[in-house]
Amino acid sequence: MYDEFVSKGATGITAPKVTSWGHTTGFFADPEGSIHSLFAVNPVTAENA
């Protein structure tokens, strides 16, 4: 989704990345300069608990 937004004119600020506490976050700005975030809570599994 992030790459699609950037390819359509948004300005990438921080590409989505998985944090150590299990969230994925990324930030971009729309053509008017407003900053938006992408956010997901990743499921906890035995492998990443």
Protein backbone atom coordinates (compact mmCIF):
# COMPACT_ATOMS: atom_id res chain seq x y z
CA MET A 1 0.00 0.00 0.00
CA TYR A 2 2.81 2.42 0.92
CA ASP A 3 4.61 1.92 -2.40
CA GLU A 4 1.34 2.40 -4.28
CA PHE A 5 0.67 5.71 -2.51
CA VAL A 6 4.20 6.94 -3.20
CA SER A 7 3.96 5.90 -6.87
CA LYS A 8 0.77 7.98 -7.16
CA GLY A 9 2.32 11.18 -5.81
CA ALA A 10 2.59 10.84 -2.05
CA THR A 11 5.93 11.67 -0.44
CA GLY A 12 7.44 8.78 1.45
CA ILE A 13 8.61 9.71 4.94
CA THR A 14 9.29 6.34 6.60
CA ALA A 15 8.67 3.06 4.81
CA PRO A 16 6.66 0.58 6.87
CA LYS A 17 8.78 -1.49 9.23
CA VAL A 18 8.11 -4.01 11.96
CA THR A 19 8.94 -2.69 15.41
CA SER A 20 10.36 -4.72 18.27
CA TRP A 21 7.02 -4.50 20.13
CA GLY A 22 5.10 -6.12 17.24
CA HIS A 23 3.57 -3.21 15.32
CA THR A 24 4.20 -2.23 11.73
CA THR A 25 4.29 1.52 11.10
CA GLY A 26 5.06 3.82 8.18
CA PHE A 27 4.47 7.46 7.31
CA PHE A 28 3.83 9.41 4.11
CA ALA A 29 2.65 12.89 3.12
CA ASP A 30 -0.12 13.56 0.62
CA PRO A 31 0.39 16.12 -2.17
CA GLU A 32 -0.95 18.89 0.10
CA GLY A 33 1.66 18.06 2.76
CA SER A 34 -0.59 16.38 5.34
CA ILE A 35 1.18 13.50 7.06
CA HIS A 36 -0.55 10.13 7.34
CA SER A 37 0.44 6.86 8.97
CA LEU A 38 0.02 3.22 8.11
CA PHE A 39 -0.29 1.05 11.18
CA ALA A 40 -0.91 -2.61 11.95
CA VAL A 41 -0.77 -4.72 15.08
CA ASN A 42 0.96 -7.94 14.12
CA PRO A 43 -0.37 -11.17 15.60
CA VAL A 44 1.71 -12.71 18.35
CA THR A 45 2.92 -16.21 17.54
CA ALA A 46 5.22 -18.62 19.34
CA GLU A 47 8.00 -17.64 16.91
CA ASN A 48 7.91 -13.92 17.72
CA ALA A 49 6.75 -13.99 21.35
